[in-house]
Every structure is written in structure tokens, then in C-alpha cells.
Amino acid sequence: MKGDRVEVVVDTGAGAAQTFEIEATKAGRRVDVSTGRGVVEVAELTRTGQQVRVGRFMAARVIAVVEHPAGDLEDIGAAGRRRAPRVEQEETLL
């Protein structure tokens, strides 16, 4: 979903950590995280599963993988990207 993002914090080996961020940039895209054979892979995928952007990291160097779903965005402005929940009107007795 547009707005989904994943942050990967990696040890650079020089006593510092570097943060990489991959985000679903268009509607219908999603971010997928997979691990295997000592590699952590974060990819932005289209609806058909085609990779648009990929980040591969050595699992031994990865400190943290933080997923931020689009619903948790705090920087949505007053206009917002999502509709407000529908509120049903209460019946009055008058």
C-alpha cells in the first residue's frame, strides 16, 4: 500500500550505523521483507510481484528492521490521505 515503508539499520563496521529506507511510492505497490542464506532483502513490489526497488543486506550486519505500515503515518496533514471513518447519526427522540 502506498506509504508503507521499511527502515533497515546496518552496522557499517566503522563503529557507526547507517539507516536505509525503502517505501512503497505509488498506489498498489507494497514492501516485502525476506530473509534467507545470510541475506535480508527488502523490495518494493508492484501488484503483479515485479520488483521495482530492492535492498540486500548481509544478515550478520543488520541491527534492526523496522516496518511502518501506512496506517501508522503520523505526518499525514489535515487533508489526509485516507478518508475519515464513517460516523452514523444517532436517532433523536424529539
PDB file of N, CA and C in Angstrom:
ATOM      1  N   MET A   1       0.843  -1.164   0.000  1.00  0.00           N
ATOM      2  CA  MET A   1       0.000   0.000   0.000  1.00  0.00           C
ATOM      3  C   MET A   1       0.895   1.235   0.000  1.00  0.00           C
ATOM      4  N   LYS A   2       0.490   2.254  -0.715  1.00  0.00           N
ATOM      5  CA  LYS A   2       1.279   3.476  -0.780  1.00  0.00           C
ATOM      6  C   LYS A   2       1.501   4.020   0.625  1.00  0.00           C
ATOM      7  N   GLY A   3       2.724   4.359   0.921  1.00  0.00           N
ATOM      8  CA  GLY A   3       3.063   4.883   2.237  1.00  0.00           C
ATOM      9  C   GLY A   3       3.702   3.867   3.161  1.00  0.00           C
ATOM     10  N   ASP A   4       3.551   2.572   2.862  1.00  0.00           N
ATOM     11  CA  ASP A   4       4.253   1.556   3.645  1.00  0.00           C
ATOM     12  C   ASP A   4       5.749   1.779   3.479  1.00  0.00           C
ATOM     13  N   ARG A   5       6.490   1.641   4.560  1.00  0.00           N
ATOM     14  CA  ARG A   5       7.938   1.778   4.440  1.00  0.00           C
ATOM     15  C   ARG A   5       8.640   0.876   5.435  1.00  0.00           C
ATOM     16  N   VAL A   6       9.880   0.541   5.104  1.00  0.00           N
ATOM     17  CA  VAL A   6      10.704  -0.311   5.949  1.00  0.00           C
ATOM     18  C   VAL A   6      12.051   0.373   6.125  1.00  0.00           C
ATOM     19  N   GLU A   7      12.486   0.488   7.374  1.00  0.00           N
ATOM     20  CA  GLU A   7      13.812   1.016   7.682  1.00  0.00           C
ATOM     21  C   GLU A   7      14.710  -0.150   8.067  1.00  0.00           C
ATOM     22  N   VAL A   8      15.926  -0.155   7.527  1.00  0.00           N
ATOM     23  CA  VAL A   8      16.903  -1.181   7.870  1.00  0.00           C
ATOM     24  C   VAL A   8      18.124  -0.464   8.432  1.00  0.00           C
ATOM     25  N   VAL A   9      18.506  -0.810   9.660  1.00  0.00           N
ATOM     26  CA  VAL A   9      19.685  -0.223  10.294  1.00  0.00           C
ATOM     27  C   VAL A   9      20.808  -1.242  10.177  1.00  0.00           C
ATOM     28  N   VAL A  10      21.933  -0.807   9.580  1.00  0.00           N
ATOM     29  CA  VAL A  10      23.042  -1.705   9.273  1.00  0.00           C
ATOM     30  C   VAL A  10      24.315  -1.192   9.922  1.00  0.00           C
ATOM     31  N   ASP A  11      25.095  -2.115  10.510  1.00  0.00           N
ATOM     32  CA  ASP A  11      26.407  -1.786  11.069  1.00  0.00           C
ATOM     33  C   ASP A  11      27.385  -1.649   9.912  1.00  0.00           C
ATOM     34  N   THR A  12      28.031  -0.478   9.801  1.00  0.00           N
ATOM     35  CA  THR A  12      28.959  -0.244   8.691  1.00  0.00           C
ATOM     36  C   THR A  12      30.358  -0.784   8.972  1.00  0.00           C
ATOM     37  N   GLY A  13      30.601  -1.214  10.199  1.00  0.00           N
ATOM     38  CA  GLY A  13      31.904  -1.767  10.536  1.00  0.00           C
ATOM     39  C   GLY A  13      32.888  -0.744  11.056  1.00  0.00           C
ATOM     40  N   ALA A  14      32.575   0.525  10.943  1.00  0.00           N
ATOM     41  CA  ALA A  14      33.456   1.583  11.416  1.00  0.00           C
ATOM     42  C   ALA A  14      32.960   2.153  12.738  1.00  0.00           C
ATOM     43  N   GLY A  15      32.219   1.352  13.476  1.00  0.00           N
ATOM     44  CA  GLY A  15      31.689   1.812  14.750  1.00  0.00           C
ATOM     45  C   GLY A  15      30.461   2.689  14.593  1.00  0.00           C
ATOM     46  N   ALA A  16      29.888   2.712  13.406  1.00  0.00           N
ATOM     47  CA  ALA A  16      28.703   3.533  13.151  1.00  0.00           C
ATOM     48  C   ALA A  16      27.618   2.682  12.505  1.00  0.00           C
ATOM     49  N   ALA A  17      26.425   3.194  12.542  1.00  0.00           N
ATOM     50  CA  ALA A  17      25.297   2.509  11.902  1.00  0.00           C
ATOM     51  C   ALA A  17      24.719   3.419  10.829  1.00  0.00           C
ATOM     52  N   GLN A  18      24.224   2.805   9.767  1.00  0.00           N
ATOM     53  CA  GLN A  18      23.628   3.562   8.679  1.00  0.00           C
ATOM     54  C   GLN A  18      22.195   3.055   8.479  1.00  0.00           C
ATOM     55  N   THR A  19      21.279   3.974   8.230  1.00  0.00           N
ATOM     56  CA  THR A  19      19.873   3.620   8.055  1.00  0.00           C
ATOM     57  C   THR A  19      19.488   3.728   6.584  1.00  0.00           C
ATOM     58  N   PHE A  20      18.831   2.687   6.089  1.00  0.00           N
ATOM     59  CA  PHE A  20      18.322   2.665   4.725  1.00  0.00           C
ATOM     60  C   PHE A  20      16.809   2.566   4.811  1.00  0.00           C
ATOM     61  N   GLU A  21      16.123   3.223   3.889  1.00  0.00           N
ATOM     62  CA  GLU A  21      14.668   3.237   3.920  1.00  0.00           C
ATOM     63  C   GLU A  21      14.122   2.914   2.535  1.00  0.00           C
ATOM     64  N   ILE A  22      13.185   1.975   2.479  1.00  0.00           N
ATOM     65  CA  ILE A  22      12.522   1.640   1.226  1.00  0.00           C
ATOM     66  C   ILE A  22      11.031   1.839   1.453  1.00  0.00           C
ATOM     67  N   GLU A  23      10.382   2.577   0.532  1.00  0.00           N
ATOM     68  CA  GLU A  23       8.981   2.960   0.692  1.00  0.00           C
ATOM     69  C   GLU A  23       8.185   2.598  -0.546  1.00  0.00           C
ATOM     70  N   ALA A  24       6.931   2.209  -0.344  1.00  0.00           N
ATOM     71  CA  ALA A  24       6.015   1.979  -1.466  1.00  0.00           C
ATOM     72  C   ALA A  24       5.589   3.352  -1.972  1.00  0.00           C
ATOM     73  N   THR A  25       6.057   3.743  -3.157  1.00  0.00           N
ATOM     74  CA  THR A  25       5.901   5.111  -3.635  1.00  0.00           C
ATOM     75  C   THR A  25       4.636   5.371  -4.429  1.00  0.00           C
ATOM     76  N   LYS A  26       3.992   4.333  -4.949  1.00  0.00           N
ATOM     77  CA  LYS A  26       2.785   4.528  -5.745  1.00  0.00           C
ATOM     78  C   LYS A  26       1.668   3.635  -5.225  1.00  0.00           C
ATOM     79  N   ALA A  27       0.438   3.995  -5.571  1.00  0.00           N
ATOM     80  CA  ALA A  27      -0.713   3.194  -5.158  1.00  0.00           C
ATOM     81  C   ALA A  27      -0.610   1.796  -5.757  1.00  0.00           C
ATOM     82  N   GLY A  28      -0.941   0.788  -4.971  1.00  0.00           N
ATOM     83  CA  GLY A  28      -0.898  -0.587  -5.452  1.00  0.00           C
ATOM     84  C   GLY A  28       0.425  -1.276  -5.221  1.00  0.00           C
ATOM     85  N   ARG A  29       1.427  -0.559  -4.781  1.00  0.00           N
ATOM     86  CA  ARG A  29       2.722  -1.184  -4.502  1.00  0.00           C
ATOM     87  C   ARG A  29       2.814  -1.532  -3.032  1.00  0.00           C
ATOM     88  N   ARG A  30       3.673  -2.494  -2.738  1.00  0.00           N
ATOM     89  CA  ARG A  30       3.861  -2.918  -1.358  1.00  0.00           C
ATOM     90  C   ARG A  30       5.342  -3.158  -1.104  1.00  0.00           C
ATOM     91  N   VAL A  31       5.697  -3.274   0.160  1.00  0.00           N
ATOM     92  CA  VAL A  31       7.081  -3.530   0.547  1.00  0.00           C
ATOM     93  C   VAL A  31       7.125  -4.918   1.176  1.00  0.00           C
ATOM     94  N   ASP A  32       8.078  -5.739   0.719  1.00  0.00           N
ATOM     95  CA  ASP A  32       8.199  -7.112   1.176  1.00  0.00           C
ATOM     96  C   ASP A  32       9.578  -7.311   1.794  1.00  0.00           C
ATOM     97  N   VAL A  33       9.626  -7.967   2.954  1.00  0.00           N
ATOM     98  CA  VAL A  33      10.891  -8.274   3.624  1.00  0.00           C
ATOM     99  C   VAL A  33      11.062  -9.784   3.633  1.00  0.00           C
ATOM    100  N   SER A  34      12.236 -10.253   3.193  1.00  0.00           N
ATOM    101  CA  SER A  34      12.510 -11.691   3.228  1.00  0.00           C
ATOM    102  C   SER A  34      13.945 -11.915   3.695  1.00  0.00           C
ATOM    103  N   THR A  35      14.162 -13.049   4.345  1.00  0.00           N
ATOM    104  CA  THR A  35      15.498 -13.407   4.799  1.00  0.00           C
ATOM    105  C   THR A  35      15.798 -14.826   4.347  1.00  0.00           C
ATOM    106  N   GLY A  36      17.062 -15.060   4.062  1.00  0.00           N
ATOM    107  CA  GLY A  36      17.476 -16.400   3.663  1.00  0.00           C
ATOM    108  C   GLY A  36      18.943 -16.421   3.284  1.00  0.00           C
ATOM    109  N   ARG A  37      19.623 -17.496   3.682  1.00  0.00           N
ATOM    110  CA  ARG A  37      21.035 -17.697   3.355  1.00  0.00           C
ATOM    111  C   ARG A  37      21.925 -16.514   3.713  1.00  0.00           C
ATOM    112  N   GLY A  38      21.654 -15.932   4.879  1.00  0.00           N
ATOM    113  CA  GLY A  38      22.511 -14.847   5.363  1.00  0.00           C
ATOM    114  C   GLY A  38      22.264 -13.503   4.711  1.00  0.00           C
ATOM    115  N   VAL A  39      21.132 -13.354   4.019  1.00  0.00           N
ATOM    116  CA  VAL A  39      20.818 -12.099   3.340  1.00  0.00           C
ATOM    117  C   VAL A  39      19.420 -11.641   3.743  1.00  0.00           C
ATOM    118  N   VAL A  40      19.295 -10.359   4.068  1.00  0.00           N
ATOM    119  CA  VAL A  40      17.992  -9.744   4.313  1.00  0.00           C
ATOM    120  C   VAL A  40      17.687  -8.908   3.082  1.00  0.00           C
ATOM    121  N   GLU A  41      16.526  -9.164   2.467  1.00  0.00           N
ATOM    122  CA  GLU A  41      16.153  -8.461   1.243  1.00  0.00           C
ATOM    123  C   GLU A  41      14.865  -7.695   1.478  1.00  0.00           C
ATOM    124  N   VAL A  42      14.878  -6.405   1.162  1.00  0.00           N
ATOM    125  CA  VAL A  42      13.700  -5.553   1.268  1.00  0.00           C
ATOM    126  C   VAL A  42      13.403  -5.061  -0.141  1.00  0.00           C
ATOM    127  N   ALA A  43      12.174  -5.314  -0.628  1.00  0.00           N
ATOM    128  CA  ALA A  43      11.842  -4.976  -2.006  1.00  0.00           C
ATOM    129  C   ALA A  43      10.510  -4.257  -2.091  1.00  0.00           C
ATOM    130  N   GLU A  44      10.449  -3.272  -2.973  1.00  0.00           N
ATOM    131  CA  GLU A  44       9.183  -2.638  -3.323  1.00  0.00           C
ATOM    132  C   GLU A  44       8.629  -3.415  -4.510  1.00  0.00           C
ATOM    133  N   LEU A  45       7.400  -3.911  -4.373  1.00  0.00           N
ATOM    134  CA  LEU A  45       6.806  -4.761  -5.399  1.00  0.00           C
ATOM    135  C   LEU A  45       5.558  -4.126  -5.989  1.00  0.00           C
ATOM    136  N   THR A  46       5.320  -4.410  -7.276  1.00  0.00           N
ATOM    137  CA  THR A  46       4.080  -3.978  -7.915  1.00  0.00           C
ATOM    138  C   THR A  46       2.986  -4.981  -7.584  1.00  0.00           C
ATOM    139  N   ARG A  47       1.783  -4.738  -8.084  1.00  0.00           N
ATOM    140  CA  ARG A  47       0.675  -5.667  -7.837  1.00  0.00           C
ATOM    141  C   ARG A  47       0.950  -7.045  -8.410  1.00  0.00           C
ATOM    142  N   THR A  48       1.697  -7.094  -9.510  1.00  0.00           N
ATOM    143  CA  THR A  48       1.990  -8.377 -10.151  1.00  0.00           C
ATOM    144  C   THR A  48       3.185  -9.080  -9.527  1.00  0.00           C
ATOM    145  N   GLY A  49       3.864  -8.449  -8.580  1.00  0.00           N
ATOM    146  CA  GLY A  49       5.001  -9.066  -7.911  1.00  0.00           C
ATOM    147  C   GLY A  49       6.349  -8.717  -8.511  1.00  0.00           C
ATOM    148  N   GLN A  50       6.365  -7.822  -9.494  1.00  0.00           N
ATOM    149  CA  GLN A  50       7.629  -7.408 -10.103  1.00  0.00           C
ATOM    150  C   GLN A  50       8.356  -6.447  -9.169  1.00  0.00           C
ATOM    151  N   GLN A  51       9.656  -6.677  -8.995  1.00  0.00           N
ATOM    152  CA  GLN A  51      10.452  -5.833  -8.097  1.00  0.00           C
ATOM    153  C   GLN A  51      10.776  -4.506  -8.779  1.00  0.00           C
ATOM    154  N   VAL A  52      10.523  -3.410  -8.056  1.00  0.00           N
ATOM    155  CA  VAL A  52      10.815  -2.075  -8.560  1.00  0.00           C
ATOM    156  C   VAL A  52      12.138  -1.587  -7.978  1.00  0.00           C
ATOM    157  N   ARG A  53      12.271  -1.755  -6.672  1.00  0.00           N
ATOM    158  CA  ARG A  53      13.474  -1.321  -5.965  1.00  0.00           C
ATOM    159  C   ARG A  53      13.806  -2.384  -4.940  1.00  0.00           C
ATOM    160  N   VAL A  54      15.088  -2.747  -4.827  1.00  0.00           N
ATOM    161  CA  VAL A  54      15.496  -3.821  -3.926  1.00  0.00           C
ATOM    162  C   VAL A  54      16.711  -3.379  -3.124  1.00  0.00           C
ATOM    163  N   GLY A  55      16.714  -3.726  -1.841  1.00  0.00           N
ATOM    164  CA  GLY A  55      17.885  -3.530  -0.994  1.00  0.00           C
ATOM    165  C   GLY A  55      18.276  -4.873  -0.400  1.00  0.00           C
ATOM    166  N   ARG A  56      19.527  -5.270  -0.562  1.00  0.00           N
ATOM    167  CA  ARG A  56      20.012  -6.544   0.003  1.00  0.00           C
ATOM    168  C   ARG A  56      21.115  -6.232   1.010  1.00  0.00           C
ATOM    169  N   PHE A  57      21.003  -6.861   2.169  1.00  0.00           N
ATOM    170  CA  PHE A  57      21.934  -6.593   3.259  1.00  0.00           C
ATOM    171  C   PHE A  57      22.404  -7.912   3.853  1.00  0.00           C
ATOM    172  N   MET A  58      23.672  -7.950   4.278  1.00  0.00           N
ATOM    173  CA  MET A  58      24.195  -9.130   4.968  1.00  0.00           C
ATOM    174  C   MET A  58      23.502  -9.229   6.326  1.00  0.00           C
ATOM    175  N   ALA A  59      22.910 -10.379   6.618  1.00  0.00           N
ATOM    176  CA  ALA A  59      22.155 -10.551   7.857  1.00  0.00           C
ATOM    177  C   ALA A  59      23.030 -10.338   9.094  1.00  0.00           C
ATOM    178  N   ALA A  60      24.304 -10.669   9.000  1.00  0.00           N
ATOM    179  CA  ALA A  60      25.208 -10.505  10.134  1.00  0.00           C
ATOM    180  C   ALA A  60      25.435  -9.032  10.468  1.00  0.00           C
ATOM    181  N   ARG A  61      25.226  -8.140   9.507  1.00  0.00           N
ATOM    182  CA  ARG A  61      25.428  -6.697   9.715  1.00  0.00           C
ATOM    183  C   ARG A  61      24.150  -5.946  10.049  1.00  0.00           C
ATOM    184  N   VAL A  62      23.002  -6.583   9.896  1.00  0.00           N
ATOM    185  CA  VAL A  62      21.722  -5.910  10.153  1.00  0.00           C
ATOM    186  C   VAL A  62      21.486  -5.822  11.656  1.00  0.00           C
ATOM    187  N   ILE A  63      21.244  -4.613  12.128  1.00  0.00           N
ATOM    188  CA  ILE A  63      20.968  -4.374  13.541  1.00  0.00           C
ATOM    189  C   ILE A  63      19.460  -4.430  13.778  1.00  0.00           C
ATOM    190  N   ALA A  64      18.682  -3.791  12.901  1.00  0.00           N
ATOM    191  CA  ALA A  64      17.233  -3.749  13.085  1.00  0.00           C
ATOM    192  C   ALA A  64      16.516  -3.603  11.752  1.00  0.00           C
ATOM    193  N   VAL A  65      15.329  -4.185  11.685  1.00  0.00           N
ATOM    194  CA  VAL A  65      14.424  -3.999  10.552  1.00  0.00           C
ATOM    195  C   VAL A  65      13.120  -3.489  11.151  1.00  0.00           C
ATOM    196  N   VAL A  66      12.732  -2.264  10.784  1.00  0.00           N
ATOM    197  CA  VAL A  66      11.550  -1.630  11.354  1.00  0.00           C
ATOM    198  C   VAL A  66      10.537  -1.393  10.241  1.00  0.00           C
ATOM    199  N   GLU A  67       9.351  -1.997  10.381  1.00  0.00           N
ATOM    200  CA  GLU A  67       8.297  -1.842   9.391  1.00  0.00           C
ATOM    201  C   GLU A  67       7.305  -0.787   9.867  1.00  0.00           C
ATOM    202  N   HIS A  68       6.948   0.135   8.967  1.00  0.00           N
ATOM    203  CA  HIS A  68       5.996   1.194   9.270  1.00  0.00           C
ATOM    204  C   HIS A  68       4.818   1.076   8.308  1.00  0.00           C
ATOM    205  N   PRO A  69       3.694   0.489   8.742  1.00  0.00           N
ATOM    206  CA  PRO A  69       2.521   0.421   7.873  1.00  0.00           C
ATOM    207  C   PRO A  69       1.963   1.811   7.586  1.00  0.00           C
ATOM    208  N   ALA A  70       1.314   1.975   6.462  1.00  0.00           N
ATOM    209  CA  ALA A  70       0.793   3.276   6.057  1.00  0.00           C
ATOM    210  C   ALA A  70      -0.210   3.825   7.057  1.00  0.00           C
ATOM    211  N   GLY A  71      -0.944   2.999   7.747  1.00  0.00           N
ATOM    212  CA  GLY A  71      -1.924   3.456   8.722  1.00  0.00           C
ATOM    213  C   GLY A  71      -1.304   4.125   9.924  1.00  0.00           C
ATOM    214  N   ASP A  72      -0.016   3.887  10.169  1.00  0.00           N
ATOM    215  CA  ASP A  72       0.664   4.461  11.326  1.00  0.00           C
ATOM    216  C   ASP A  72       1.374   5.769  11.013  1.00  0.00           C
ATOM    217  N   LEU A  73       1.185   6.306   9.826  1.00  0.00           N
ATOM    218  CA  LEU A  73       1.874   7.547   9.481  1.00  0.00           C
ATOM    219  C   LEU A  73       1.399   8.674  10.376  1.00  0.00           C
ATOM    220  N   GLU A  74       2.332   9.381  10.954  1.00  0.00           N
ATOM    221  CA  GLU A  74       1.995  10.497  11.820  1.00  0.00           C
ATOM    222  C   GLU A  74       2.057  11.814  11.080  1.00  0.00           C
ATOM    223  N   ASP A  75       2.678  11.815   9.901  1.00  0.00           N
ATOM    224  CA  ASP A  75       2.882  13.064   9.176  1.00  0.00           C
ATOM    225  C   ASP A  75       1.770  13.341   8.166  1.00  0.00           C
ATOM    226  N   ILE A  76       0.629  12.678   8.298  1.00  0.00           N
ATOM    227  CA  ILE A  76      -0.491  12.956   7.400  1.00  0.00           C
ATOM    228  C   ILE A  76      -1.070  14.305   7.805  1.00  0.00           C
ATOM    229  N   GLY A  77      -1.208  15.167   6.840  1.00  0.00           N
ATOM    230  CA  GLY A  77      -1.696  16.513   7.107  1.00  0.00           C
ATOM    231  C   GLY A  77      -3.179  16.539   7.410  1.00  0.00           C
ATOM    232  N   ALA A  78      -3.710  17.757   7.560  1.00  0.00           N
ATOM    233  CA  ALA A  78      -5.125  17.917   7.880  1.00  0.00           C
ATOM    234  C   ALA A  78      -6.013  17.351   6.779  1.00  0.00           C
ATOM    235  N   ALA A  79      -5.565  17.484   5.525  1.00  0.00           N
ATOM    236  CA  ALA A  79      -6.351  16.945   4.410  1.00  0.00           C
ATOM    237  C   ALA A  79      -6.354  15.431   4.469  1.00  0.00           C
ATOM    238  N   GLY A  80      -5.233  14.840   4.841  1.00  0.00           N
ATOM    239  CA  GLY A  80      -5.130  13.393   4.994  1.00  0.00           C
ATOM    240  C   GLY A  80      -5.167  12.643   3.681  1.00  0.00           C
ATOM    241  N   ARG A  81      -4.572  11.482   3.681  1.00  0.00           N
ATOM    242  CA  ARG A  81      -4.581  10.632   2.504  1.00  0.00           C
ATOM    243  C   ARG A  81      -5.711   9.613   2.590  1.00  0.00           C
ATOM    244  N   ARG A  82      -6.210   9.411   3.778  1.00  0.00           N
ATOM    245  CA  ARG A  82      -7.261   8.423   3.978  1.00  0.00           C
ATOM    246  C   ARG A  82      -8.556   9.132   4.369  1.00  0.00           C
ATOM    247  N   ARG A  83      -9.654   8.496   4.088  1.00  0.00           N
ATOM    248  CA  ARG A  83     -10.940   9.043   4.487  1.00  0.00           C
ATOM    249  C   ARG A  83     -11.146   8.834   5.977  1.00  0.00           C
ATOM    250  N   ALA A  84     -11.852   9.743   6.562  1.00  0.00           N
ATOM    251  CA  ALA A  84     -12.198   9.593   7.978  1.00  0.00           C
ATOM    252  C   ALA A  84     -13.231   8.483   8.097  1.00  0.00           C
ATOM    253  N   PRO A  85     -13.246   7.770   9.201  1.00  0.00           N
ATOM    254  CA  PRO A  85     -14.242   6.714   9.362  1.00  0.00           C
ATOM    255  C   PRO A  85     -15.655   7.292   9.321  1.00  0.00           C
ATOM    256  N   ARG A  86     -16.552   6.525   8.765  1.00  0.00           N
ATOM    257  CA  ARG A  86     -17.931   6.978   8.630  1.00  0.00           C
ATOM    258  C   ARG A  86     -18.613   6.944   9.996  1.00  0.00           C
ATOM    259  N   VAL A  87     -19.256   8.021  10.338  1.00  0.00           N
ATOM    260  CA  VAL A  87     -19.945   8.124  11.621  1.00  0.00           C
ATOM    261  C   VAL A  87     -21.444   8.092  11.360  1.00  0.00           C
ATOM    262  N   GLU A  88     -22.107   7.163  11.979  1.00  0.00           N
ATOM    263  CA  GLU A  88     -23.559   7.063  11.837  1.00  0.00           C
ATOM    264  C   GLU A  88     -24.220   8.095  12.745  1.00  0.00           C
ATOM    265  N   GLN A  89     -25.284   8.689  12.256  1.00  0.00           N
ATOM    266  CA  GLN A  89     -26.007   9.661  13.073  1.00  0.00           C
ATOM    267  C   GLN A  89     -26.863   8.930  14.093  1.00  0.00           C
ATOM    268  N   GLU A  90     -26.910   9.477  15.286  1.00  0.00           N
ATOM    269  CA  GLU A  90     -27.736   8.903  16.323  1.00  0.00           C
ATOM    270  C   GLU A  90     -29.179   9.376  16.141  1.00  0.00           C
ATOM    271  N   GLU A  91     -30.099   8.486  16.392  1.00  0.00           N
ATOM    272  CA  GLU A  91     -31.502   8.873  16.307  1.00  0.00           C
ATOM    273  C   GLU A  91     -31.877   9.688  17.535  1.00  0.00           C
ATOM    274  N   THR A  92     -32.645  10.702  17.295  1.00  0.00           N
ATOM    275  CA  THR A  92     -33.117  11.518  18.418  1.00  0.00           C
ATOM    276  C   THR A  92     -34.574  11.222  18.669  1.00  0.00           C
ATOM    277  N   LEU A  93     -35.004  11.413  19.888  1.00  0.00           N
ATOM    278  CA  LEU A  93     -36.386  11.163  20.253  1.00  0.00           C
ATOM    279  C   LEU A  93     -37.282  12.370  20.041  1.00  0.00           C
ATOM    280  N   LEU A  94     -36.722  13.496  19.702  1.00  0.00           N
ATOM    281  CA  LEU A  94     -37.523  14.708  19.532  1.00  0.00           C
ATOM    282  C   LEU A  94     -38.094  14.824  18.172  1.00  0.00           C
TER     283      LEU A  94
END
